[in-house]
PDB file of N, CA and C in Angstrom:
ATOM      1  N   MET A   1       0.826  -1.191   0.000  1.00  0.00           N
ATOM      2  CA  MET A   1       0.000   0.000   0.000  1.00  0.00           C
ATOM      3  C   MET A   1       0.867   1.251   0.000  1.00  0.00           C
ATOM      4  N   LEU A   2       1.976   1.214   0.728  1.00  0.00           N
ATOM      5  CA  LEU A   2       2.856   2.378   0.739  1.00  0.00           C
ATOM      6  C   LEU A   2       3.455   2.636  -0.643  1.00  0.00           C
ATOM      7  N   GLN A   3       3.810   1.571  -1.354  1.00  0.00           N
ATOM      8  CA  GLN A   3       4.334   1.730  -2.712  1.00  0.00           C
ATOM      9  C   GLN A   3       3.273   2.341  -3.629  1.00  0.00           C
ATOM     10  N   ASN A   4       2.026   1.883  -3.491  1.00  0.00           N
ATOM     11  CA  ASN A   4       0.937   2.445  -4.290  1.00  0.00           C
ATOM     12  C   ASN A   4       0.732   3.923  -3.975  1.00  0.00           C
ATOM     13  N   ALA A   5       0.799   4.275  -2.709  1.00  0.00           N
ATOM     14  CA  ALA A   5       0.643   5.681  -2.316  1.00  0.00           C
ATOM     15  C   ALA A   5       1.781   6.521  -2.898  1.00  0.00           C
ATOM     16  N   GLY A   6       2.991   5.992  -2.852  1.00  0.00           N
ATOM     17  CA  GLY A   6       4.138   6.702  -3.433  1.00  0.00           C
ATOM     18  C   GLY A   6       3.989   6.875  -4.935  1.00  0.00           C
ATOM     19  N   ASP A   7       3.543   5.825  -5.606  1.00  0.00           N
ATOM     20  CA  ASP A   7       3.326   5.899  -7.052  1.00  0.00           C
ATOM     21  C   ASP A   7       2.237   6.923  -7.391  1.00  0.00           C
ATOM     22  N   ALA A   8       1.168   6.917  -6.615  1.00  0.00           N
ATOM     23  CA  ALA A   8       0.073   7.862  -6.859  1.00  0.00           C
ATOM     24  C   ALA A   8       0.545   9.298  -6.666  1.00  0.00           C
ATOM     25  N   GLY A   9       1.322   9.540  -5.630  1.00  0.00           N
ATOM     26  CA  GLY A   9       1.861  10.879  -5.393  1.00  0.00           C
ATOM     27  C   GLY A   9       2.757  11.333  -6.531  1.00  0.00           C
ATOM     28  N   CYS A  10       3.579  10.422  -7.025  1.00  0.00           N
ATOM     29  CA  CYS A  10       4.474  10.722  -8.141  1.00  0.00           C
ATOM     30  C   CYS A  10       3.670  11.077  -9.393  1.00  0.00           C
ATOM     31  N   LEU A  11       2.648  10.303  -9.690  1.00  0.00           N
ATOM     32  CA  LEU A  11       1.814  10.578 -10.854  1.00  0.00           C
ATOM     33  C   LEU A  11       1.068  11.899 -10.710  1.00  0.00           C
ATOM     34  N   GLN A  12       0.619  12.205  -9.492  1.00  0.00           N
ATOM     35  CA  GLN A  12      -0.058  13.480  -9.233  1.00  0.00           C
ATOM     36  C   GLN A  12       0.867  14.649  -9.566  1.00  0.00           C
ATOM     37  N   ILE A  13       2.085  14.588  -9.090  1.00  0.00           N
ATOM     38  CA  ILE A  13       3.031  15.681  -9.311  1.00  0.00           C
ATOM     39  C   ILE A  13       3.425  15.768 -10.789  1.00  0.00           C
ATOM     40  N   LYS A  14       3.645  14.634 -11.439  1.00  0.00           N
ATOM     41  CA  LYS A  14       3.990  14.653 -12.869  1.00  0.00           C
ATOM     42  C   LYS A  14       2.864  15.272 -13.700  1.00  0.00           C
ATOM     43  N   GLY A  15       1.629  14.901 -13.402  1.00  0.00           N
ATOM     44  CA  GLY A  15       0.486  15.465 -14.123  1.00  0.00           C
ATOM     45  C   GLY A  15       0.320  16.953 -13.866  1.00  0.00           C
ATOM     46  N   THR A  16       0.481  17.342 -12.620  1.00  0.00           N
ATOM     47  CA  THR A  16       0.394  18.759 -12.259  1.00  0.00           C
ATOM     48  C   THR A  16       1.492  19.550 -12.959  1.00  0.00           C
ATOM     49  N   HIS A  17       2.699  19.007 -12.968  1.00  0.00           N
ATOM     50  CA  HIS A  17       3.821  19.701 -13.584  1.00  0.00           C
ATOM     51  C   HIS A  17       3.606  19.875 -15.092  1.00  0.00           C
ATOM     52  N   ALA A  18       3.113  18.863 -15.750  1.00  0.00           N
ATOM     53  CA  ALA A  18       2.856  18.965 -17.186  1.00  0.00           C
ATOM     54  C   ALA A  18       1.860  20.090 -17.473  1.00  0.00           C
ATOM     55  N   GLN A  19       0.805  20.178 -16.681  1.00  0.00           N
ATOM     56  CA  GLN A  19      -0.193  21.234 -16.881  1.00  0.00           C
ATOM     57  C   GLN A  19       0.386  22.604 -16.549  1.00  0.00           C
ATOM     58  N   MET A  20       1.160  22.690 -15.480  1.00  0.00           N
ATOM     59  CA  MET A  20       1.754  23.976 -15.102  1.00  0.00           C
ATOM     60  C   MET A  20       2.709  24.489 -16.174  1.00  0.00           C
ATOM     61  N   MET A  21       3.445  23.604 -16.814  1.00  0.00           N
ATOM     62  CA  MET A  21       4.362  24.031 -17.868  1.00  0.00           C
ATOM     63  C   MET A  21       3.594  24.581 -19.076  1.00  0.00           C
ATOM     64  N   LYS A  22       2.419  24.016 -19.371  1.00  0.00           N
ATOM     65  CA  LYS A  22       1.572  24.557 -20.437  1.00  0.00           C
ATOM     66  C   LYS A  22       1.106  25.964 -20.077  1.00  0.00           C
ATOM     67  N   TRP A  23       0.668  26.138 -18.818  1.00  0.00           N
ATOM     68  CA  TRP A  23       0.209  27.461 -18.394  1.00  0.00           C
ATOM     69  C   TRP A  23       1.360  28.458 -18.328  1.00  0.00           C
ATOM     70  N   LYS A  24       2.530  27.999 -17.942  1.00  0.00           N
ATOM     71  CA  LYS A  24       3.692  28.893 -17.859  1.00  0.00           C
ATOM     72  C   LYS A  24       4.014  29.474 -19.238  1.00  0.00           C
ATOM     73  N   GLU A  25       3.902  28.642 -20.270  1.00  0.00           N
ATOM     74  CA  GLU A  25       4.156  29.116 -21.635  1.00  0.00           C
ATOM     75  C   GLU A  25       3.175  30.201 -22.054  1.00  0.00           C
ATOM     76  N   ALA A  26       1.960  30.155 -21.511  1.00  0.00           N
ATOM     77  CA  ALA A  26       0.921  31.124 -21.887  1.00  0.00           C
ATOM     78  C   ALA A  26       1.025  32.433 -21.105  1.00  0.00           C
ATOM     79  N   LEU A  27       1.820  32.448 -20.032  1.00  0.00           N
ATOM     80  CA  LEU A  27       1.935  33.641 -19.195  1.00  0.00           C
ATOM     81  C   LEU A  27       3.200  34.413 -19.515  1.00  0.00           C
ATOM     82  N   SER A  28       3.144  35.722 -19.284  1.00  0.00           N
ATOM     83  CA  SER A  28       4.357  36.527 -19.400  1.00  0.00           C
ATOM     84  C   SER A  28       5.237  36.247 -18.181  1.00  0.00           C
ATOM     85  N   ALA A  29       6.495  36.681 -18.255  1.00  0.00           N
ATOM     86  CA  ALA A  29       7.406  36.486 -17.113  1.00  0.00           C
ATOM     87  C   ALA A  29       6.877  37.211 -15.879  1.00  0.00           C
ATOM     88  N   ASP A  30       6.334  38.405 -16.045  1.00  0.00           N
ATOM     89  CA  ASP A  30       5.778  39.146 -14.904  1.00  0.00           C
ATOM     90  C   ASP A  30       4.583  38.426 -14.295  1.00  0.00           C
ATOM     91  N   GLU A  31       3.711  37.887 -15.152  1.00  0.00           N
ATOM     92  CA  GLU A  31       2.556  37.145 -14.649  1.00  0.00           C
ATOM     93  C   GLU A  31       3.009  35.901 -13.880  1.00  0.00           C
ATOM     94  N   TRP A  32       3.981  35.186 -14.443  1.00  0.00           N
ATOM     95  CA  TRP A  32       4.481  33.985 -13.777  1.00  0.00           C
ATOM     96  C   TRP A  32       5.119  34.335 -12.435  1.00  0.00           C
ATOM     97  N   ASN A  33       5.900  35.398 -12.403  1.00  0.00           N
ATOM     98  CA  ASN A  33       6.604  35.793 -11.180  1.00  0.00           C
ATOM     99  C   ASN A  33       5.679  36.335 -10.107  1.00  0.00           C
ATOM    100  N   SER A  34       4.453  36.672 -10.465  1.00  0.00           N
ATOM    101  CA  SER A  34       3.496  37.135  -9.459  1.00  0.00           C
ATOM    102  C   SER A  34       2.387  36.118  -9.204  1.00  0.00           C
ATOM    103  N   LEU A  35       2.515  34.942  -9.807  1.00  0.00           N
ATOM    104  CA  LEU A  35       1.524  33.887  -9.641  1.00  0.00           C
ATOM    105  C   LEU A  35       1.409  33.467  -8.177  1.00  0.00           C
ATOM    106  N   VAL A  36       0.176  33.320  -7.716  1.00  0.00           N
ATOM    107  CA  VAL A  36      -0.109  32.829  -6.372  1.00  0.00           C
ATOM    108  C   VAL A  36      -0.967  31.577  -6.513  1.00  0.00           C
ATOM    109  N   VAL A  37      -0.619  30.539  -5.779  1.00  0.00           N
ATOM    110  CA  VAL A  37      -1.330  29.264  -5.835  1.00  0.00           C
ATOM    111  C   VAL A  37      -2.106  29.071  -4.535  1.00  0.00           C
ATOM    112  N   VAL A  38      -3.374  28.721  -4.653  1.00  0.00           N
ATOM    113  CA  VAL A  38      -4.174  28.342  -3.494  1.00  0.00           C
ATOM    114  C   VAL A  38      -4.416  26.844  -3.609  1.00  0.00           C
ATOM    115  N   ASN A  39      -3.814  26.099  -2.693  1.00  0.00           N
ATOM    116  CA  ASN A  39      -3.943  24.642  -2.655  1.00  0.00           C
ATOM    117  C   ASN A  39      -5.118  24.298  -1.746  1.00  0.00           C
ATOM    118  N   ARG A  40      -6.187  23.878  -2.351  1.00  0.00           N
ATOM    119  CA  ARG A  40      -7.414  23.567  -1.612  1.00  0.00           C
ATOM    120  C   ARG A  40      -7.373  22.102  -1.181  1.00  0.00           C
ATOM    121  N   ALA A  41      -7.264  21.888   0.104  1.00  0.00           N
ATOM    122  CA  ALA A  41      -7.210  20.526   0.634  1.00  0.00           C
ATOM    123  C   ALA A  41      -7.751  20.537   2.068  1.00  0.00           C
ATOM    124  N   ARG A  42      -7.634  19.440   2.743  1.00  0.00           N
ATOM    125  CA  ARG A  42      -8.163  19.318   4.106  1.00  0.00           C
ATOM    126  C   ARG A  42      -7.057  19.340   5.150  1.00  0.00           C
ATOM    127  N   HIS A  43      -7.437  19.577   6.375  1.00  0.00           N
ATOM    128  CA  HIS A  43      -6.515  19.769   7.499  1.00  0.00           C
ATOM    129  C   HIS A  43      -5.533  18.619   7.684  1.00  0.00           C
ATOM    130  N   GLN A  44      -6.002  17.419   7.713  1.00  0.00           N
ATOM    131  CA  GLN A  44      -5.126  16.288   8.028  1.00  0.00           C
ATOM    132  C   GLN A  44      -4.017  16.104   6.997  1.00  0.00           C
ATOM    133  N   ALA A  45      -4.236  16.608   5.802  1.00  0.00           N
ATOM    134  CA  ALA A  45      -3.230  16.446   4.750  1.00  0.00           C
ATOM    135  C   ALA A  45      -2.253  17.615   4.684  1.00  0.00           C
ATOM    136  N   ARG A  46      -2.331  18.556   5.600  1.00  0.00           N
ATOM    137  CA  ARG A  46      -1.580  19.799   5.487  1.00  0.00           C
ATOM    138  C   ARG A  46      -0.068  19.614   5.600  1.00  0.00           C
ATOM    139  N   TYR A  47       0.407  18.933   6.599  1.00  0.00           N
ATOM    140  CA  TYR A  47       1.840  18.838   6.852  1.00  0.00           C
ATOM    141  C   TYR A  47       2.530  18.031   5.751  1.00  0.00           C
ATOM    142  N   HIS A  48       3.488  18.615   5.107  1.00  0.00           N
ATOM    143  CA  HIS A  48       4.239  18.002   4.001  1.00  0.00           C
ATOM    144  C   HIS A  48       3.349  17.623   2.823  1.00  0.00           C
ATOM    145  N   ASN A  49       2.317  18.404   2.572  1.00  0.00           N
ATOM    146  CA  ASN A  49       1.428  18.150   1.446  1.00  0.00           C
ATOM    147  C   ASN A  49       2.226  18.187   0.151  1.00  0.00           C
ATOM    148  N   ALA A  50       2.068  17.175  -0.684  1.00  0.00           N
ATOM    149  CA  ALA A  50       2.867  17.052  -1.906  1.00  0.00           C
ATOM    150  C   ALA A  50       2.651  18.229  -2.852  1.00  0.00           C
ATOM    151  N   ALA A  51       1.407  18.638  -3.049  1.00  0.00           N
ATOM    152  CA  ALA A  51       1.131  19.753  -3.958  1.00  0.00           C
ATOM    153  C   ALA A  51       1.734  21.050  -3.431  1.00  0.00           C
ATOM    154  N   THR A  52       1.622  21.285  -2.138  1.00  0.00           N
ATOM    155  CA  THR A  52       2.201  22.501  -1.551  1.00  0.00           C
ATOM    156  C   THR A  52       3.707  22.524  -1.765  1.00  0.00           C
ATOM    157  N   GLN A  53       4.358  21.424  -1.509  1.00  0.00           N
ATOM    158  CA  GLN A  53       5.802  21.370  -1.694  1.00  0.00           C
ATOM    159  C   GLN A  53       6.177  21.506  -3.168  1.00  0.00           C
ATOM    160  N   TYR A  54       5.383  20.934  -4.044  1.00  0.00           N
ATOM    161  CA  TYR A  54       5.647  21.070  -5.478  1.00  0.00           C
ATOM    162  C   TYR A  54       5.583  22.537  -5.904  1.00  0.00           C
ATOM    163  N   PHE A  55       4.514  23.240  -5.530  1.00  0.00           N
ATOM    164  CA  PHE A  55       4.364  24.634  -5.943  1.00  0.00           C
ATOM    165  C   PHE A  55       5.454  25.515  -5.317  1.00  0.00           C
ATOM    166  N   HIS A  56       5.842  25.201  -4.112  1.00  0.00           N
ATOM    167  CA  HIS A  56       6.948  25.926  -3.470  1.00  0.00           C
ATOM    168  C   HIS A  56       8.218  25.771  -4.309  1.00  0.00           C
ATOM    169  N   TRP A  57       8.491  24.560  -4.751  1.00  0.00           N
ATOM    170  CA  TRP A  57       9.651  24.290  -5.598  1.00  0.00           C
ATOM    171  C   TRP A  57       9.506  24.978  -6.953  1.00  0.00           C
ATOM    172  N   LEU A  58       8.346  24.823  -7.580  1.00  0.00           N
ATOM    173  CA  LEU A  58       8.104  25.360  -8.915  1.00  0.00           C
ATOM    174  C   LEU A  58       8.279  26.876  -8.959  1.00  0.00           C
ATOM    175  N   LEU A  59       7.765  27.554  -7.971  1.00  0.00           N
ATOM    176  CA  LEU A  59       7.828  29.014  -7.946  1.00  0.00           C
ATOM    177  C   LEU A  59       9.128  29.523  -7.336  1.00  0.00           C
ATOM    178  N   ASN A  60       9.997  28.595  -6.927  1.00  0.00           N
ATOM    179  CA  ASN A  60      11.271  28.962  -6.297  1.00  0.00           C
ATOM    180  C   ASN A  60      11.014  29.962  -5.182  1.00  0.00           C
ATOM    181  N   ASP A  61      10.082  29.599  -4.340  1.00  0.00           N
ATOM    182  CA  ASP A  61       9.545  30.499  -3.330  1.00  0.00           C
ATOM    183  C   ASP A  61      10.295  30.388  -2.010  1.00  0.00           C
ATOM    184  N   SER A  62      10.171  31.400  -1.199  1.00  0.00           N
ATOM    185  CA  SER A  62      10.740  31.363   0.149  1.00  0.00           C
ATOM    186  C   SER A  62       9.602  31.501   1.154  1.00  0.00           C
ATOM    187  N   SER A  63       9.833  31.001   2.329  1.00  0.00           N
ATOM    188  CA  SER A  63       8.818  31.091   3.380  1.00  0.00           C
ATOM    189  C   SER A  63       9.508  31.330   4.713  1.00  0.00           C
ATOM    190  N   THR A  64       8.703  31.554   5.716  1.00  0.00           N
ATOM    191  CA  THR A  64       9.262  31.778   7.043  1.00  0.00           C
ATOM    192  C   THR A  64       9.624  30.441   7.688  1.00  0.00           C
ATOM    193  N   SER A  65      10.471  30.493   8.679  1.00  0.00           N
ATOM    194  CA  SER A  65      10.907  29.265   9.353  1.00  0.00           C
ATOM    195  C   SER A  65       9.779  28.615  10.150  1.00  0.00           C
ATOM    196  N   TRP A  66       8.776  29.386  10.538  1.00  0.00           N
ATOM    197  CA  TRP A  66       7.713  28.843  11.380  1.00  0.00           C
ATOM    198  C   TRP A  66       6.492  28.367  10.593  1.00  0.00           C
ATOM    199  N   SER A  67       6.479  28.552   9.273  1.00  0.00           N
ATOM    200  CA  SER A  67       5.314  28.127   8.496  1.00  0.00           C
ATOM    201  C   SER A  67       5.395  26.626   8.193  1.00  0.00           C
ATOM    202  N   TYR A  68       4.271  26.075   7.759  1.00  0.00           N
ATOM    203  CA  TYR A  68       4.282  24.685   7.312  1.00  0.00           C
ATOM    204  C   TYR A  68       5.187  24.587   6.093  1.00  0.00           C
ATOM    205  N   PRO A  69       5.843  23.453   5.877  1.00  0.00           N
ATOM    206  CA  PRO A  69       6.756  23.315   4.741  1.00  0.00           C
ATOM    207  C   PRO A  69       6.081  23.666   3.410  1.00  0.00           C
ATOM    208  N   GLY A  70       6.671  24.641   2.718  1.00  0.00           N
ATOM    209  CA  GLY A  70       6.189  25.035   1.403  1.00  0.00           C
ATOM    210  C   GLY A  70       5.192  26.170   1.377  1.00  0.00           C
ATOM    211  N   GLU A  71       4.581  26.500   2.503  1.00  0.00           N
ATOM    212  CA  GLU A  71       3.579  27.564   2.514  1.00  0.00           C
ATOM    213  C   GLU A  71       4.248  28.932   2.595  1.00  0.00           C
ATOM    214  N   SER A  72       3.641  29.903   1.900  1.00  0.00           N
ATOM    215  CA  SER A  72       4.194  31.248   1.845  1.00  0.00           C
ATOM    216  C   SER A  72       3.111  32.210   1.378  1.00  0.00           C
ATOM    217  N   MET A  73       3.516  33.404   1.000  1.00  0.00           N
ATOM    218  CA  MET A  73       2.569  34.364   0.434  1.00  0.00           C
ATOM    219  C   MET A  73       2.150  33.967  -0.981  1.00  0.00           C
ATOM    220  N   ARG A  74       2.938  33.124  -1.632  1.00  0.00           N
ATOM    221  CA  ARG A  74       2.613  32.703  -2.995  1.00  0.00           C
ATOM    222  C   ARG A  74       2.055  31.285  -3.065  1.00  0.00           C
ATOM    223  N   VAL A  75       2.188  30.530  -2.001  1.00  0.00           N
ATOM    224  CA  VAL A  75       1.648  29.166  -1.940  1.00  0.00           C
ATOM    225  C   VAL A  75       0.800  29.083  -0.669  1.00  0.00           C
ATOM    226  N   ILE A  76      -0.498  29.142  -0.857  1.00  0.00           N
ATOM    227  CA  ILE A  76      -1.446  29.218   0.261  1.00  0.00           C
ATOM    228  C   ILE A  76      -2.196  27.892   0.364  1.00  0.00           C
ATOM    229  N   TYR A  77      -2.182  27.318   1.541  1.00  0.00           N
ATOM    230  CA  TYR A  77      -2.915  26.073   1.790  1.00  0.00           C
ATOM    231  C   TYR A  77      -4.268  26.452   2.383  1.00  0.00           C
ATOM    232  N   ALA A  78      -5.327  26.122   1.701  1.00  0.00           N
ATOM    233  CA  ALA A  78      -6.680  26.512   2.127  1.00  0.00           C
ATOM    234  C   ALA A  78      -7.415  25.308   2.692  1.00  0.00           C
ATOM    235  N   GLU A  79      -7.276  25.099   4.007  1.00  0.00           N
ATOM    236  CA  GLU A  79      -7.912  23.942   4.636  1.00  0.00           C
ATOM    237  C   GLU A  79      -9.308  24.246   5.156  1.00  0.00           C
ATOM    238  N   SER A  80      -9.672  25.507   5.199  1.00  0.00           N
ATOM    239  CA  SER A  80     -10.937  25.874   5.828  1.00  0.00           C
ATOM    240  C   SER A  80     -12.080  26.068   4.844  1.00  0.00           C
ATOM    241  N   LEU A  81     -11.840  25.878   3.557  1.00  0.00           N
ATOM    242  CA  LEU A  81     -12.885  26.103   2.572  1.00  0.00           C
ATOM    243  C   LEU A  81     -13.799  24.890   2.429  1.00  0.00           C
ATOM    244  N   GLY A  82     -15.086  25.162   2.403  1.00  0.00           N
ATOM    245  CA  GLY A  82     -16.058  24.113   2.168  1.00  0.00           C
ATOM    246  C   GLY A  82     -16.254  23.898   0.678  1.00  0.00           C
ATOM    247  N   PRO A  83     -17.064  22.920   0.304  1.00  0.00           N
ATOM    248  CA  PRO A  83     -17.239  22.577  -1.108  1.00  0.00           C
ATOM    249  C   PRO A  83     -17.830  23.711  -1.949  1.00  0.00           C
ATOM    250  N   GLN A  84     -18.602  24.601  -1.354  1.00  0.00           N
ATOM    251  CA  GLN A  84     -19.242  25.674  -2.110  1.00  0.00           C
ATOM    252  C   GLN A  84     -18.476  26.994  -2.040  1.00  0.00           C
ATOM    253  N   GLU A  85     -17.395  27.041  -1.287  1.00  0.00           N
ATOM    254  CA  GLU A  85     -16.643  28.287  -1.131  1.00  0.00           C
ATOM    255  C   GLU A  85     -15.579  28.414  -2.216  1.00  0.00           C
ATOM    256  N   ASP A  86     -15.329  29.639  -2.614  1.00  0.00           N
ATOM    257  CA  ASP A  86     -14.398  29.921  -3.699  1.00  0.00           C
ATOM    258  C   ASP A  86     -13.013  30.222  -3.143  1.00  0.00           C
ATOM    259  N   THR A  87     -11.988  29.760  -3.830  1.00  0.00           N
ATOM    260  CA  THR A  87     -10.621  29.993  -3.382  1.00  0.00           C
ATOM    261  C   THR A  87     -10.235  31.466  -3.450  1.00  0.00           C
ATOM    262  N   SER A  88     -10.916  32.251  -4.277  1.00  0.00           N
ATOM    263  CA  SER A  88     -10.587  33.675  -4.370  1.00  0.00           C
ATOM    264  C   SER A  88     -10.865  34.386  -3.047  1.00  0.00           C
ATOM    265  N   ASP A  89     -11.803  33.897  -2.247  1.00  0.00           N
ATOM    266  CA  ASP A  89     -12.052  34.489  -0.930  1.00  0.00           C
ATOM    267  C   ASP A  89     -10.837  34.309  -0.025  1.00  0.00           C
ATOM    268  N   GLU A  90     -10.274  33.123  -0.046  1.00  0.00           N
ATOM    269  CA  GLU A  90      -9.087  32.842   0.767  1.00  0.00           C
ATOM    270  C   GLU A  90      -7.905  33.687   0.288  1.00  0.00           C
ATOM    271  N   LEU A  91      -7.730  33.754  -1.003  1.00  0.00           N
ATOM    272  CA  LEU A  91      -6.646  34.550  -1.583  1.00  0.00           C
ATOM    273  C   LEU A  91      -6.800  36.021  -1.208  1.00  0.00           C
ATOM    274  N   GLY A  92      -8.009  36.531  -1.292  1.00  0.00           N
ATOM    275  CA  GLY A  92      -8.273  37.923  -0.918  1.00  0.00           C
ATOM    276  C   GLY A  92      -7.969  38.197   0.543  1.00  0.00           C
ATOM    277  N   THR A  93      -8.371  37.297   1.412  1.00  0.00           N
ATOM    278  CA  THR A  93      -8.118  37.459   2.842  1.00  0.00           C
ATOM    279  C   THR A  93      -6.626  37.485   3.137  1.00  0.00           C
ATOM    280  N   VAL A  94      -5.886  36.551   2.565  1.00  0.00           N
ATOM    281  CA  VAL A  94      -4.440  36.492   2.789  1.00  0.00           C
ATOM    282  C   VAL A  94      -3.773  37.756   2.261  1.00  0.00           C
ATOM    283  N   SER A  95      -4.179  38.194   1.084  1.00  0.00           N
ATOM    284  CA  SER A  95      -3.582  39.381   0.470  1.00  0.00           C
ATOM    285  C   SER A  95      -3.868  40.642   1.286  1.00  0.00           C
ATOM    286  N   ILE A  96      -5.104  40.822   1.695  1.00  0.00           N
ATOM    287  CA  ILE A  96      -5.463  41.997   2.497  1.00  0.00           C
ATOM    288  C   ILE A  96      -4.755  41.971   3.842  1.00  0.00           C
ATOM    289  N   ASP A  97      -4.719  40.816   4.497  1.00  0.00           N
ATOM    290  CA  ASP A  97      -4.013  40.706   5.777  1.00  0.00           C
ATOM    291  C   ASP A  97      -2.536  41.056   5.625  1.00  0.00           C
ATOM    292  N   ALA A  98      -1.907  40.574   4.558  1.00  0.00           N
ATOM    293  CA  ALA A  98      -0.486  40.849   4.344  1.00  0.00           C
ATOM    294  C   ALA A  98      -0.240  42.336   4.113  1.00  0.00           C
ATOM    295  N   ARG A  99      -1.098  42.966   3.343  1.00  0.00           N
ATOM    296  CA  ARG A  99      -0.943  44.407   3.086  1.00  0.00           C
ATOM    297  C   ARG A  99      -1.160  45.229   4.349  1.00  0.00           C
ATOM    298  N   ALA A 100      -2.190  44.879   5.108  1.00  0.00           N
ATOM    299  CA  ALA A 100      -2.443  45.606   6.358  1.00  0.00           C
ATOM    300  C   ALA A 100      -1.304  45.389   7.349  1.00  0.00           C
ATOM    301  N   SER A 101      -0.835  44.170   7.441  1.00  0.00           N
ATOM    302  CA  SER A 101       0.267  43.852   8.344  1.00  0.00           C
ATOM    303  C   SER A 101       1.534  44.604   7.955  1.00  0.00           C
ATOM    304  N   THR A 102       1.766  44.728   6.663  1.00  0.00           N
ATOM    305  CA  THR A 102       2.927  45.489   6.190  1.00  0.00           C
ATOM    306  C   THR A 102       2.759  46.970   6.517  1.00  0.00           C
ATOM    307  N   ALA A 103       1.562  47.504   6.319  1.00  0.00           N
ATOM    308  CA  ALA A 103       1.307  48.920   6.594  1.00  0.00           C
ATOM    309  C   ALA A 103       1.478  49.252   8.080  1.00  0.00           C
ATOM    310  N   PHE A 104       0.978  48.391   8.941  1.00  0.00           N
ATOM    311  CA  PHE A 104       1.037  48.648  10.380  1.00  0.00           C
ATOM    312  C   PHE A 104       2.356  48.251  11.022  1.00  0.00           C
ATOM    313  N   PHE A 105       2.919  47.132  10.598  1.00  0.00           N
ATOM    314  CA  PHE A 105       4.079  46.561  11.299  1.00  0.00           C
ATOM    315  C   PHE A 105       5.316  46.377  10.425  1.00  0.00           C
ATOM    316  N   ASP A 106       5.226  46.740   9.149  1.00  0.00           N
ATOM    317  CA  ASP A 106       6.311  46.549   8.198  1.00  0.00           C
ATOM    318  C   ASP A 106       6.734  45.078   8.128  1.00  0.00           C
ATOM    319  N   ASP A 107       5.743  44.187   8.266  1.00  0.00           N
ATOM    320  CA  ASP A 107       5.981  42.757   8.255  1.00  0.00           C
ATOM    321  C   ASP A 107       4.733  42.060   7.714  1.00  0.00           C
ATOM    322  N   PRO A 108       4.787  41.515   6.497  1.00  0.00           N
ATOM    323  CA  PRO A 108       3.581  40.898   5.922  1.00  0.00           C
ATOM    324  C   PRO A 108       3.090  39.665   6.682  1.00  0.00           C
ATOM    325  N   TRP A 109       3.932  39.091   7.523  1.00  0.00           N
ATOM    326  CA  TRP A 109       3.574  37.863   8.246  1.00  0.00           C
ATOM    327  C   TRP A 109       2.972  38.129   9.627  1.00  0.00           C
ATOM    328  N   ARG A 110       2.995  39.349  10.106  1.00  0.00           N
ATOM    329  CA  ARG A 110       2.584  39.651  11.480  1.00  0.00           C
ATOM    330  C   ARG A 110       1.138  39.228  11.779  1.00  0.00           C
ATOM    331  N   PHE A 111       0.233  39.372  10.816  1.00  0.00           N
ATOM    332  CA  PHE A 111      -1.182  39.026  11.024  1.00  0.00           C
ATOM    333  C   PHE A 111      -1.463  37.546  10.818  1.00  0.00           C
ATOM    334  N   LYS A 112      -0.475  36.778  10.465  1.00  0.00           N
ATOM    335  CA  LYS A 112      -0.693  35.359  10.175  1.00  0.00           C
ATOM    336  C   LYS A 112      -0.963  34.570  11.417  1.00  0.00           C
TER     337      LYS A 112
END
């Protein structure tokens, strides 16, 4: 079962990467460099989530030492969204919090 899980994870990342490379070709360098990913998943899968780590690698992103592996301002793990909720709400909240935190404390992570 562990081998099957490993194989499934590998196929997930390979498929995701193939699609991301198609989208990367369609975007300008500025669009790609400002791309933000919202990984919609559930709480129990958060720590070392394969998709989160993949996007962190793909975007060559940096994060704080205290965040979950791979999560940052450009790779957002959305564990609180229900089936009918839109990821743009989560993205908006993170973006507004980061801007307000920067304005008040000169630190985009302070409100996290």
